[in-house]
PDB file of N, CA and C in Angstrom:
ATOM      1  N   MET A   1     180.973 -13.100 159.140  1.00  0.00           N
ATOM      2  CA  MET A   1     182.113 -13.073 160.022  1.00  0.00           C
ATOM      3  C   MET A   1     181.712 -12.318 161.291  1.00  0.00           C
ATOM      4  N   LEU A   2     182.064 -12.862 162.416  1.00  0.00           N
ATOM      5  CA  LEU A   2     181.779 -12.232 163.700  1.00  0.00           C
ATOM      6  C   LEU A   2     183.081 -11.711 164.281  1.00  0.00           C
ATOM      7  N   VAL A   3     183.127 -10.453 164.566  1.00  0.00           N
ATOM      8  CA  VAL A   3     184.277  -9.863 165.236  1.00  0.00           C
ATOM      9  C   VAL A   3     183.730  -9.277 166.526  1.00  0.00           C
ATOM     10  N   SER A   4     184.081  -9.879 167.627  1.00  0.00           N
ATOM     11  CA  SER A   4     183.500  -9.456 168.888  1.00  0.00           C
ATOM     12  C   SER A   4     184.396  -9.883 170.031  1.00  0.00           C
ATOM     13  N   GLN A   5     184.243  -9.206 171.121  1.00  0.00           N
ATOM     14  CA  GLN A   5     184.905  -9.615 172.348  1.00  0.00           C
ATOM     15  C   GLN A   5     183.787 -10.070 173.272  1.00  0.00           C
ATOM     16  N   MET A   6     183.785 -11.349 173.627  1.00  0.00           N
ATOM     17  CA  MET A   6     182.717 -11.913 174.443  1.00  0.00           C
ATOM     18  C   MET A   6     183.070 -11.788 175.917  1.00  0.00           C
ATOM     19  N   HIS A   7     182.095 -11.419 176.706  1.00  0.00           N
ATOM     20  CA  HIS A   7     182.266 -11.339 178.149  1.00  0.00           C
ATOM     21  C   HIS A   7     181.241 -12.240 178.834  1.00  0.00           C
ATOM     22  N   ASP A   8     180.756 -13.233 178.125  1.00  0.00           N
ATOM     23  CA  ASP A   8     179.761 -14.143 178.664  1.00  0.00           C
ATOM     24  C   ASP A   8     180.429 -15.388 179.217  1.00  0.00           C
ATOM     25  N   ASP A   9     179.637 -16.210 179.856  1.00  0.00           N
ATOM     26  CA  ASP A   9     180.100 -17.500 180.346  1.00  0.00           C
ATOM     27  C   ASP A   9     180.494 -18.348 179.137  1.00  0.00           C
ATOM     28  N   ALA A  10     181.740 -18.772 179.076  1.00  0.00           N
ATOM     29  CA  ALA A  10     182.244 -19.529 177.925  1.00  0.00           C
ATOM     30  C   ALA A  10     181.599 -20.901 177.796  1.00  0.00           C
ATOM     31  N   ARG A  11     180.814 -21.291 178.787  1.00  0.00           N
ATOM     32  CA  ARG A  11     180.112 -22.575 178.700  1.00  0.00           C
ATOM     33  C   ARG A  11     178.683 -22.414 178.198  1.00  0.00           C
ATOM     34  N   ARG A  12     178.218 -21.166 178.035  1.00  0.00           N
ATOM     35  CA  ARG A  12     176.865 -20.879 177.554  1.00  0.00           C
ATOM     36  C   ARG A  12     176.879 -19.567 176.769  1.00  0.00           C
ATOM     37  N   LEU A  13     177.412 -19.624 175.567  1.00  0.00           N
ATOM     38  CA  LEU A  13     177.545 -18.410 174.763  1.00  0.00           C
ATOM     39  C   LEU A  13     176.235 -18.066 174.056  1.00  0.00           C
ATOM     40  N   PRO A  14     175.929 -16.784 173.935  1.00  0.00           N
ATOM     41  CA  PRO A  14     174.680 -16.363 173.302  1.00  0.00           C
ATOM     42  C   PRO A  14     174.790 -16.318 171.776  1.00  0.00           C
ATOM     43  N   LEU A  15     175.242 -17.404 171.188  1.00  0.00           N
ATOM     44  CA  LEU A  15     175.413 -17.498 169.738  1.00  0.00           C
ATOM     45  C   LEU A  15     174.735 -18.766 169.240  1.00  0.00           C
ATOM     46  N   ALA A  16     174.242 -18.704 168.024  1.00  0.00           N
ATOM     47  CA  ALA A  16     173.566 -19.864 167.432  1.00  0.00           C
ATOM     48  C   ALA A  16     174.558 -20.974 167.108  1.00  0.00           C
ATOM     49  N   THR A  17     174.079 -22.175 167.114  1.00  0.00           N
ATOM     50  CA  THR A  17     174.886 -23.344 166.754  1.00  0.00           C
ATOM     51  C   THR A  17     175.429 -23.178 165.331  1.00  0.00           C
ATOM     52  N   GLY A  18     176.728 -23.414 165.173  1.00  0.00           N
ATOM     53  CA  GLY A  18     177.373 -23.343 163.867  1.00  0.00           C
ATOM     54  C   GLY A  18     177.422 -21.955 163.259  1.00  0.00           C
ATOM     55  N   SER A  19     177.352 -20.920 164.086  1.00  0.00           N
ATOM     56  CA  SER A  19     177.244 -19.559 163.556  1.00  0.00           C
ATOM     57  C   SER A  19     178.579 -18.838 163.358  1.00  0.00           C
ATOM     58  N   VAL A  20     179.692 -19.397 163.803  1.00  0.00           N
ATOM     59  CA  VAL A  20     180.976 -18.719 163.627  1.00  0.00           C
ATOM     60  C   VAL A  20     181.939 -19.593 162.830  1.00  0.00           C
ATOM     61  N   ASP A  21     182.833 -18.926 162.128  1.00  0.00           N
ATOM     62  CA  ASP A  21     183.841 -19.620 161.323  1.00  0.00           C
ATOM     63  C   ASP A  21     185.086 -19.950 162.126  1.00  0.00           C
ATOM     64  N   ALA A  22     185.394 -19.113 163.112  1.00  0.00           N
ATOM     65  CA  ALA A  22     186.620 -19.291 163.879  1.00  0.00           C
ATOM     66  C   ALA A  22     186.468 -18.662 165.258  1.00  0.00           C
ATOM     67  N   VAL A  23     187.212 -19.225 166.204  1.00  0.00           N
ATOM     68  CA  VAL A  23     187.241 -18.709 167.565  1.00  0.00           C
ATOM     69  C   VAL A  23     188.696 -18.493 167.946  1.00  0.00           C
ATOM     70  N   PHE A  24     188.997 -17.312 168.477  1.00  0.00           N
ATOM     71  CA  PHE A  24     190.315 -17.006 169.015  1.00  0.00           C
ATOM     72  C   PHE A  24     190.129 -16.843 170.518  1.00  0.00           C
ATOM     73  N   ALA A  25     190.728 -17.726 171.302  1.00  0.00           N
ATOM     74  CA  ALA A  25     190.570 -17.699 172.751  1.00  0.00           C
ATOM     75  C   ALA A  25     191.935 -17.472 173.382  1.00  0.00           C
ATOM     76  N   ALA A  26     192.115 -16.312 173.972  1.00  0.00           N
ATOM     77  CA  ALA A  26     193.386 -15.956 174.599  1.00  0.00           C
ATOM     78  C   ALA A  26     193.280 -16.156 176.105  1.00  0.00           C
ATOM     79  N   GLY A  27     194.098 -17.057 176.634  1.00  0.00           N
ATOM     80  CA  GLY A  27     194.153 -17.274 178.070  1.00  0.00           C
ATOM     81  C   GLY A  27     192.878 -17.805 178.684  1.00  0.00           C
ATOM     82  N   LEU A  28     192.095 -18.555 177.959  1.00  0.00           N
ATOM     83  CA  LEU A  28     190.773 -18.986 178.428  1.00  0.00           C
ATOM     84  C   LEU A  28     190.767 -20.311 179.185  1.00  0.00           C
ATOM     85  N   ILE A  29     191.325 -21.339 178.623  1.00  0.00           N
ATOM     86  CA  ILE A  29     191.100 -22.712 179.079  1.00  0.00           C
ATOM     87  C   ILE A  29     191.439 -22.918 180.550  1.00  0.00           C
ATOM     88  N   ASN A  30     192.561 -22.406 181.006  1.00  0.00           N
ATOM     89  CA  ASN A  30     192.944 -22.624 182.408  1.00  0.00           C
ATOM     90  C   ASN A  30     192.042 -21.900 183.400  1.00  0.00           C
ATOM     91  N   HIS A  31     191.192 -21.008 182.936  1.00  0.00           N
ATOM     92  CA  HIS A  31     190.302 -20.273 183.825  1.00  0.00           C
ATOM     93  C   HIS A  31     188.904 -20.873 183.894  1.00  0.00           C
ATOM     94  N   LEU A  32     188.665 -21.911 183.141  1.00  0.00           N
ATOM     95  CA  LEU A  32     187.343 -22.542 183.131  1.00  0.00           C
ATOM     96  C   LEU A  32     187.247 -23.616 184.203  1.00  0.00           C
ATOM     97  N   PRO A  33     186.103 -23.722 184.877  1.00  0.00           N
ATOM     98  CA  PRO A  33     185.938 -24.810 185.838  1.00  0.00           C
ATOM     99  C   PRO A  33     185.953 -26.177 185.149  1.00  0.00           C
ATOM    100  N   SER A  34     185.565 -26.203 183.876  1.00  0.00           N
ATOM    101  CA  SER A  34     185.593 -27.430 183.086  1.00  0.00           C
ATOM    102  C   SER A  34     186.123 -27.101 181.692  1.00  0.00           C
ATOM    103  N   PRO A  35     187.422 -27.363 181.440  1.00  0.00           N
ATOM    104  CA  PRO A  35     187.942 -27.110 180.092  1.00  0.00           C
ATOM    105  C   PRO A  35     187.140 -27.848 179.015  1.00  0.00           C
ATOM    106  N   ALA A  36     186.728 -29.080 179.295  1.00  0.00           N
ATOM    107  CA  ALA A  36     185.943 -29.835 178.315  1.00  0.00           C
ATOM    108  C   ALA A  36     184.609 -29.142 178.040  1.00  0.00           C
ATOM    109  N   GLY A  37     183.972 -28.631 179.074  1.00  0.00           N
ATOM    110  CA  GLY A  37     182.710 -27.921 178.885  1.00  0.00           C
ATOM    111  C   GLY A  37     182.881 -26.693 178.013  1.00  0.00           C
ATOM    112  N   GLY A  38     183.954 -25.950 178.236  1.00  0.00           N
ATOM    113  CA  GLY A  38     184.226 -24.772 177.420  1.00  0.00           C
ATOM    114  C   GLY A  38     184.523 -25.123 175.978  1.00  0.00           C
ATOM    115  N   LEU A  39     185.338 -26.149 175.762  1.00  0.00           N
ATOM    116  CA  LEU A  39     185.654 -26.567 174.389  1.00  0.00           C
ATOM    117  C   LEU A  39     184.416 -27.110 173.685  1.00  0.00           C
ATOM    118  N   ARG A  40     183.564 -27.786 174.415  1.00  0.00           N
ATOM    119  CA  ARG A  40     182.316 -28.321 173.845  1.00  0.00           C
ATOM    120  C   ARG A  40     181.409 -27.159 173.383  1.00  0.00           C
ATOM    121  N   GLU A  41     181.310 -26.112 174.198  1.00  0.00           N
ATOM    122  CA  GLU A  41     180.493 -24.961 173.827  1.00  0.00           C
ATOM    123  C   GLU A  41     181.095 -24.229 172.634  1.00  0.00           C
ATOM    124  N   LEU A  42     182.402 -24.092 172.595  1.00  0.00           N
ATOM    125  CA  LEU A  42     183.040 -23.459 171.438  1.00  0.00           C
ATOM    126  C   LEU A  42     182.815 -24.293 170.179  1.00  0.00           C
ATOM    127  N   ALA A  43     182.803 -25.611 170.314  1.00  0.00           N
ATOM    128  CA  ALA A  43     182.501 -26.480 169.169  1.00  0.00           C
ATOM    129  C   ALA A  43     181.055 -26.285 168.720  1.00  0.00           C
ATOM    130  N   ARG A  44     180.148 -26.114 169.665  1.00  0.00           N
ATOM    131  CA  ARG A  44     178.736 -25.943 169.319  1.00  0.00           C
ATOM    132  C   ARG A  44     178.539 -24.719 168.434  1.00  0.00           C
ATOM    133  N   ILE A  45     179.187 -23.613 168.757  1.00  0.00           N
ATOM    134  CA  ILE A  45     178.959 -22.381 168.003  1.00  0.00           C
ATOM    135  C   ILE A  45     179.757 -22.309 166.700  1.00  0.00           C
ATOM    136  N   THR A  46     180.723 -23.213 166.523  1.00  0.00           N
ATOM    137  CA  THR A  46     181.601 -23.180 165.350  1.00  0.00           C
ATOM    138  C   THR A  46     181.099 -24.143 164.278  1.00  0.00           C
ATOM    139  N   ARG A  47     181.059 -23.685 163.059  1.00  0.00           N
ATOM    140  CA  ARG A  47     180.603 -24.528 161.944  1.00  0.00           C
ATOM    141  C   ARG A  47     181.584 -25.674 161.721  1.00  0.00           C
ATOM    142  N   PRO A  48     181.127 -26.818 161.187  1.00  0.00           N
ATOM    143  CA  PRO A  48     182.054 -27.895 160.833  1.00  0.00           C
ATOM    144  C   PRO A  48     183.135 -27.367 159.888  1.00  0.00           C
ATOM    145  N   GLY A  49     184.372 -27.717 160.184  1.00  0.00           N
ATOM    146  CA  GLY A  49     185.503 -27.236 159.403  1.00  0.00           C
ATOM    147  C   GLY A  49     186.064 -25.920 159.908  1.00  0.00           C
ATOM    148  N   GLY A  50     185.352 -25.283 160.854  1.00  0.00           N
ATOM    149  CA  GLY A  50     185.829 -24.027 161.427  1.00  0.00           C
ATOM    150  C   GLY A  50     187.062 -24.244 162.291  1.00  0.00           C
ATOM    151  N   ARG A  51     187.675 -23.179 162.721  1.00  0.00           N
ATOM    152  CA  ARG A  51     188.935 -23.251 163.462  1.00  0.00           C
ATOM    153  C   ARG A  51     188.813 -22.692 164.869  1.00  0.00           C
ATOM    154  N   LEU A  52     189.635 -23.247 165.732  1.00  0.00           N
ATOM    155  CA  LEU A  52     189.803 -22.763 167.097  1.00  0.00           C
ATOM    156  C   LEU A  52     191.276 -22.463 167.293  1.00  0.00           C
ATOM    157  N   VAL A  53     191.578 -21.276 167.797  1.00  0.00           N
ATOM    158  CA  VAL A  53     192.945 -20.902 168.120  1.00  0.00           C
ATOM    159  C   VAL A  53     192.991 -20.591 169.606  1.00  0.00           C
ATOM    160  N   LEU A  54     193.811 -21.339 170.332  1.00  0.00           N
ATOM    161  CA  LEU A  54     194.050 -21.094 171.755  1.00  0.00           C
ATOM    162  C   LEU A  54     195.412 -20.442 171.860  1.00  0.00           C
ATOM    163  N   PHE A  55     195.478 -19.296 172.526  1.00  0.00           N
ATOM    164  CA  PHE A  55     196.707 -18.515 172.549  1.00  0.00           C
ATOM    165  C   PHE A  55     196.966 -17.964 173.941  1.00  0.00           C
ATOM    166  N   HIS A  56     198.247 -17.843 174.261  1.00  0.00           N
ATOM    167  CA  HIS A  56     198.675 -17.096 175.435  1.00  0.00           C
ATOM    168  C   HIS A  56     200.043 -16.515 175.107  1.00  0.00           C
ATOM    169  N   PRO A  57     200.325 -15.263 175.524  1.00  0.00           N
ATOM    170  CA  PRO A  57     201.599 -14.648 175.169  1.00  0.00           C
ATOM    171  C   PRO A  57     202.800 -15.184 175.941  1.00  0.00           C
ATOM    172  N   SER A  58     202.588 -16.171 176.792  1.00  0.00           N
ATOM    173  CA  SER A  58     203.682 -16.874 177.481  1.00  0.00           C
ATOM    174  C   SER A  58     203.476 -18.361 177.284  1.00  0.00           C
ATOM    175  N   GLY A  59     204.576 -19.099 177.214  1.00  0.00           N
ATOM    176  CA  GLY A  59     204.465 -20.548 177.178  1.00  0.00           C
ATOM    177  C   GLY A  59     204.005 -21.077 178.526  1.00  0.00           C
ATOM    178  N   ARG A  60     203.599 -22.316 178.569  1.00  0.00           N
ATOM    179  CA  ARG A  60     203.071 -22.907 179.798  1.00  0.00           C
ATOM    180  C   ARG A  60     204.094 -22.891 180.926  1.00  0.00           C
ATOM    181  N   ALA A  61     205.351 -23.247 180.639  1.00  0.00           N
ATOM    182  CA  ALA A  61     206.384 -23.290 181.690  1.00  0.00           C
ATOM    183  C   ALA A  61     206.668 -21.896 182.238  1.00  0.00           C
ATOM    184  N   ALA A  62     206.765 -20.904 181.357  1.00  0.00           N
ATOM    185  CA  ALA A  62     207.030 -19.536 181.800  1.00  0.00           C
ATOM    186  C   ALA A  62     205.867 -19.001 182.631  1.00  0.00           C
ATOM    187  N   LEU A  63     204.666 -19.303 182.230  1.00  0.00           N
ATOM    188  CA  LEU A  63     203.495 -18.853 182.978  1.00  0.00           C
ATOM    189  C   LEU A  63     203.433 -19.508 184.355  1.00  0.00           C
ATOM    190  N   ALA A  64     203.707 -20.810 184.405  1.00  0.00           N
ATOM    191  CA  ALA A  64     203.717 -21.517 185.692  1.00  0.00           C
ATOM    192  C   ALA A  64     204.792 -20.930 186.608  1.00  0.00           C
ATOM    193  N   ALA A  65     205.974 -20.683 186.079  1.00  0.00           N
ATOM    194  CA  ALA A  65     207.067 -20.118 186.881  1.00  0.00           C
ATOM    195  C   ALA A  65     206.691 -18.733 187.411  1.00  0.00           C
ATOM    196  N   ARG A  66     206.034 -17.941 186.598  1.00  0.00           N
ATOM    197  CA  ARG A  66     205.608 -16.609 187.021  1.00  0.00           C
ATOM    198  C   ARG A  66     204.639 -16.698 188.206  1.00  0.00           C
ATOM    199  N   HIS A  67     203.873 -17.795 188.267  1.00  0.00           N
ATOM    200  CA  HIS A  67     202.913 -17.994 189.367  1.00  0.00           C
ATOM    201  C   HIS A  67     203.489 -18.873 190.480  1.00  0.00           C
ATOM    202  N   GLY A  68     204.802 -19.153 190.406  1.00  0.00           N
ATOM    203  CA  GLY A  68     205.469 -19.901 191.466  1.00  0.00           C
ATOM    204  C   GLY A  68     205.133 -21.374 191.534  1.00  0.00           C
ATOM    205  N   ARG A  69     204.838 -21.970 190.409  1.00  0.00           N
ATOM    206  CA  ARG A  69     204.537 -23.407 190.409  1.00  0.00           C
ATOM    207  C   ARG A  69     205.248 -24.094 189.246  1.00  0.00           C
ATOM    208  N   THR A  70     205.258 -25.408 189.293  1.00  0.00           N
ATOM    209  CA  THR A  70     205.819 -26.190 188.192  1.00  0.00           C
ATOM    210  C   THR A  70     204.672 -26.852 187.436  1.00  0.00           C
ATOM    211  N   LEU A  71     204.946 -27.203 186.214  1.00  0.00           N
ATOM    212  CA  LEU A  71     203.925 -27.842 185.387  1.00  0.00           C
ATOM    213  C   LEU A  71     203.699 -29.284 185.817  1.00  0.00           C
ATOM    214  N   GLY A  72     202.446 -29.676 185.844  1.00  0.00           N
ATOM    215  CA  GLY A  72     202.100 -31.069 186.085  1.00  0.00           C
ATOM    216  C   GLY A  72     201.779 -31.741 184.765  1.00  0.00           C
ATOM    217  N   PRO A  73     201.869 -33.062 184.709  1.00  0.00           N
ATOM    218  CA  PRO A  73     201.658 -33.768 183.445  1.00  0.00           C
ATOM    219  C   PRO A  73     200.204 -33.794 182.976  1.00  0.00           C
ATOM    220  N   ASP A  74     199.263 -33.520 183.863  1.00  0.00           N
ATOM    221  CA  ASP A  74     197.847 -33.614 183.492  1.00  0.00           C
ATOM    222  C   ASP A  74     197.141 -32.268 183.407  1.00  0.00           C
ATOM    223  N   GLU A  75     197.898 -31.206 183.185  1.00  0.00           N
ATOM    224  CA  GLU A  75     197.285 -29.890 183.048  1.00  0.00           C
ATOM    225  C   GLU A  75     196.468 -29.812 181.759  1.00  0.00           C
ATOM    226  N   PRO A  76     195.410 -29.012 181.751  1.00  0.00           N
ATOM    227  CA  PRO A  76     194.514 -28.965 180.590  1.00  0.00           C
ATOM    228  C   PRO A  76     195.192 -28.630 179.268  1.00  0.00           C
ATOM    229  N   LEU A  77     196.272 -27.849 179.293  1.00  0.00           N
ATOM    230  CA  LEU A  77     196.928 -27.466 178.046  1.00  0.00           C
ATOM    231  C   LEU A  77     198.155 -28.308 177.705  1.00  0.00           C
ATOM    232  N   ALA A  78     198.440 -29.339 178.504  1.00  0.00           N
ATOM    233  CA  ALA A  78     199.496 -30.283 178.114  1.00  0.00           C
ATOM    234  C   ALA A  78     199.060 -30.921 176.794  1.00  0.00           C
ATOM    235  N   GLU A  79     199.977 -31.107 175.877  1.00  0.00           N
ATOM    236  CA  GLU A  79     199.591 -31.538 174.531  1.00  0.00           C
ATOM    237  C   GLU A  79     198.753 -32.808 174.527  1.00  0.00           C
ATOM    238  N   HIS A  80     199.175 -33.835 175.246  1.00  0.00           N
ATOM    239  CA  HIS A  80     198.423 -35.094 175.211  1.00  0.00           C
ATOM    240  C   HIS A  80     197.039 -34.935 175.840  1.00  0.00           C
ATOM    241  N   VAL A  81     196.922 -34.130 176.878  1.00  0.00           N
ATOM    242  CA  VAL A  81     195.619 -33.889 177.521  1.00  0.00           C
ATOM    243  C   VAL A  81     194.726 -33.077 176.588  1.00  0.00           C
ATOM    244  N   LEU A  82     195.265 -32.010 176.005  1.00  0.00           N
ATOM    245  CA  LEU A  82     194.479 -31.176 175.111  1.00  0.00           C
ATOM    246  C   LEU A  82     194.025 -31.951 173.879  1.00  0.00           C
ATOM    247  N   ARG A  83     194.888 -32.808 173.352  1.00  0.00           N
ATOM    248  CA  ARG A  83     194.527 -33.602 172.171  1.00  0.00           C
ATOM    249  C   ARG A  83     193.312 -34.488 172.469  1.00  0.00           C
ATOM    250  N   VAL A  84     193.301 -35.149 173.617  1.00  0.00           N
ATOM    251  CA  VAL A  84     192.181 -36.023 174.002  1.00  0.00           C
ATOM    252  C   VAL A  84     190.932 -35.200 174.284  1.00  0.00           C
ATOM    253  N   THR A  85     191.081 -34.121 175.051  1.00  0.00           N
ATOM    254  CA  THR A  85     189.927 -33.281 175.377  1.00  0.00           C
ATOM    255  C   THR A  85     189.323 -32.687 174.110  1.00  0.00           C
ATOM    256  N   ALA A  86     190.164 -32.226 173.217  1.00  0.00           N
ATOM    257  CA  ALA A  86     189.677 -31.678 171.950  1.00  0.00           C
ATOM    258  C   ALA A  86     188.878 -32.734 171.188  1.00  0.00           C
ATOM    259  N   ALA A  87     189.425 -33.918 171.060  1.00  0.00           N
ATOM    260  CA  ALA A  87     188.738 -34.987 170.331  1.00  0.00           C
ATOM    261  C   ALA A  87     187.406 -35.344 170.982  1.00  0.00           C
ATOM    262  N   ASP A  88     187.369 -35.333 172.295  1.00  0.00           N
ATOM    263  CA  ASP A  88     186.142 -35.673 173.018  1.00  0.00           C
ATOM    264  C   ASP A  88     185.065 -34.591 172.903  1.00  0.00           C
ATOM    265  N   THR A  89     185.442 -33.388 172.477  1.00  0.00           N
ATOM    266  CA  THR A  89     184.502 -32.272 172.452  1.00  0.00           C
ATOM    267  C   THR A  89     184.229 -31.728 171.052  1.00  0.00           C
ATOM    268  N   GLY A  90     184.635 -32.457 170.011  1.00  0.00           N
ATOM    269  CA  GLY A  90     184.284 -32.065 168.651  1.00  0.00           C
ATOM    270  C   GLY A  90     185.377 -31.416 167.833  1.00  0.00           C
ATOM    271  N   TRP A  91     186.614 -31.467 168.324  1.00  0.00           N
ATOM    272  CA  TRP A  91     187.738 -30.826 167.642  1.00  0.00           C
ATOM    273  C   TRP A  91     188.803 -31.840 167.267  1.00  0.00           C
ATOM    274  N   VAL A  92     189.622 -31.486 166.292  1.00  0.00           N
ATOM    275  CA  VAL A  92     190.835 -32.226 165.950  1.00  0.00           C
ATOM    276  C   VAL A  92     191.991 -31.244 166.101  1.00  0.00           C
ATOM    277  N   LEU A  93     192.907 -31.536 167.007  1.00  0.00           N
ATOM    278  CA  LEU A  93     194.062 -30.668 167.219  1.00  0.00           C
ATOM    279  C   LEU A  93     194.980 -30.786 166.007  1.00  0.00           C
ATOM    280  N   THR A  94     195.228 -29.668 165.326  1.00  0.00           N
ATOM    281  CA  THR A  94     196.035 -29.676 164.109  1.00  0.00           C
ATOM    282  C   THR A  94     197.382 -28.982 164.273  1.00  0.00           C
ATOM    283  N   GLY A  95     197.551 -28.244 165.362  1.00  0.00           N
ATOM    284  CA  GLY A  95     198.818 -27.571 165.604  1.00  0.00           C
ATOM    285  C   GLY A  95     199.010 -27.322 167.085  1.00  0.00           C
ATOM    286  N   TYR A  96     200.266 -27.404 167.518  1.00  0.00           N
ATOM    287  CA  TYR A  96     200.562 -27.215 168.940  1.00  0.00           C
ATOM    288  C   TYR A  96     201.978 -26.671 169.056  1.00  0.00           C
ATOM    289  N   ASP A  97     202.110 -25.521 169.720  1.00  0.00           N
ATOM    290  CA  ASP A  97     203.420 -24.904 169.918  1.00  0.00           C
ATOM    291  C   ASP A  97     203.448 -24.311 171.320  1.00  0.00           C
ATOM    292  N   ASP A  98     204.314 -24.833 172.155  1.00  0.00           N
ATOM    293  CA  ASP A  98     204.424 -24.365 173.536  1.00  0.00           C
ATOM    294  C   ASP A  98     205.842 -23.845 173.757  1.00  0.00           C
ATOM    295  N   ALA A  99     206.145 -22.742 173.084  1.00  0.00           N
ATOM    296  CA  ALA A  99     207.462 -22.115 173.216  1.00  0.00           C
ATOM    297  C   ALA A  99     207.498 -21.277 174.493  1.00  0.00           C
ATOM    298  N   GLU A 100     208.680 -20.866 174.905  1.00  0.00           N
ATOM    299  CA  GLU A 100     208.802 -20.065 176.123  1.00  0.00           C
ATOM    300  C   GLU A 100     208.017 -18.755 176.019  1.00  0.00           C
ATOM    301  N   HIS A 101     208.015 -18.165 174.849  1.00  0.00           N
ATOM    302  CA  HIS A 101     207.430 -16.840 174.659  1.00  0.00           C
ATOM    303  C   HIS A 101     205.980 -16.850 174.169  1.00  0.00           C
ATOM    304  N   ARG A 102     205.375 -18.040 173.995  1.00  0.00           N
ATOM    305  CA  ARG A 102     203.962 -18.087 173.604  1.00  0.00           C
ATOM    306  C   ARG A 102     203.443 -19.525 173.672  1.00  0.00           C
ATOM    307  N   PHE A 103     202.140 -19.615 173.827  1.00  0.00           N
ATOM    308  CA  PHE A 103     201.441 -20.891 173.693  1.00  0.00           C
ATOM    309  C   PHE A 103     200.454 -20.721 172.552  1.00  0.00           C
ATOM    310  N   LEU A 104     200.433 -21.690 171.645  1.00  0.00           N
ATOM    311  CA  LEU A 104     199.526 -21.635 170.509  1.00  0.00           C
ATOM    312  C   LEU A 104     199.068 -23.047 170.173  1.00  0.00           C
ATOM    313  N   ALA A 105     197.774 -23.255 170.177  1.00  0.00           N
ATOM    314  CA  ALA A 105     197.202 -24.525 169.734  1.00  0.00           C
ATOM    315  C   ALA A 105     196.090 -24.199 168.736  1.00  0.00           C
ATOM    316  N   VAL A 106     196.020 -24.981 167.671  1.00  0.00           N
ATOM    317  CA  VAL A 106     195.023 -24.780 166.628  1.00  0.00           C
ATOM    318  C   VAL A 106     194.262 -26.091 166.464  1.00  0.00           C
ATOM    319  N   ALA A 107     192.941 -25.980 166.340  1.00  0.00           N
ATOM    320  CA  ALA A 107     192.099 -27.153 166.146  1.00  0.00           C
ATOM    321  C   ALA A 107     191.072 -26.881 165.076  1.00  0.00           C
ATOM    322  N   ALA A 108     190.597 -27.943 164.439  1.00  0.00           N
ATOM    323  CA  ALA A 108     189.550 -27.849 163.429  1.00  0.00           C
ATOM    324  C   ALA A 108     188.289 -28.515 163.969  1.00  0.00           C
ATOM    325  N   ARG A 109     187.158 -27.917 163.683  1.00  0.00           N
ATOM    326  CA  ARG A 109     185.873 -28.463 164.130  1.00  0.00           C
ATOM    327  C   ARG A 109     185.504 -29.644 163.236  1.00  0.00           C
ATOM    328  N   ARG A 110     185.187 -30.772 163.874  1.00  0.00           N
ATOM    329  CA  ARG A 110     184.767 -31.956 163.097  1.00  0.00           C
ATOM    330  C   ARG A 110     183.354 -31.774 162.588  1.00  0.00           C
TER     331      ARG A 110
END
């Protein structure tokens, strides 16, 4: 089990392929220049059957409002976009909750 806080480039992590059981990423995806690239790298380091948890303590709409913008339909964390991106990068989205007070998506590594 790896318990660590990573401060590296999320597209090139210093971890061996298939070396982690689970990844908890808080507020990560919207900060990446390529969400697909980041998810692909997280898939690389996660063993088959491992889990990915994407979390933010605010829902997407509340976060957008706090930054003075409205949500667009093609944002990286929109459910339909995330489902496709996850599938294209080695994940299966198994849970999705975008409540006002939190964002939570769970995926399994194929």
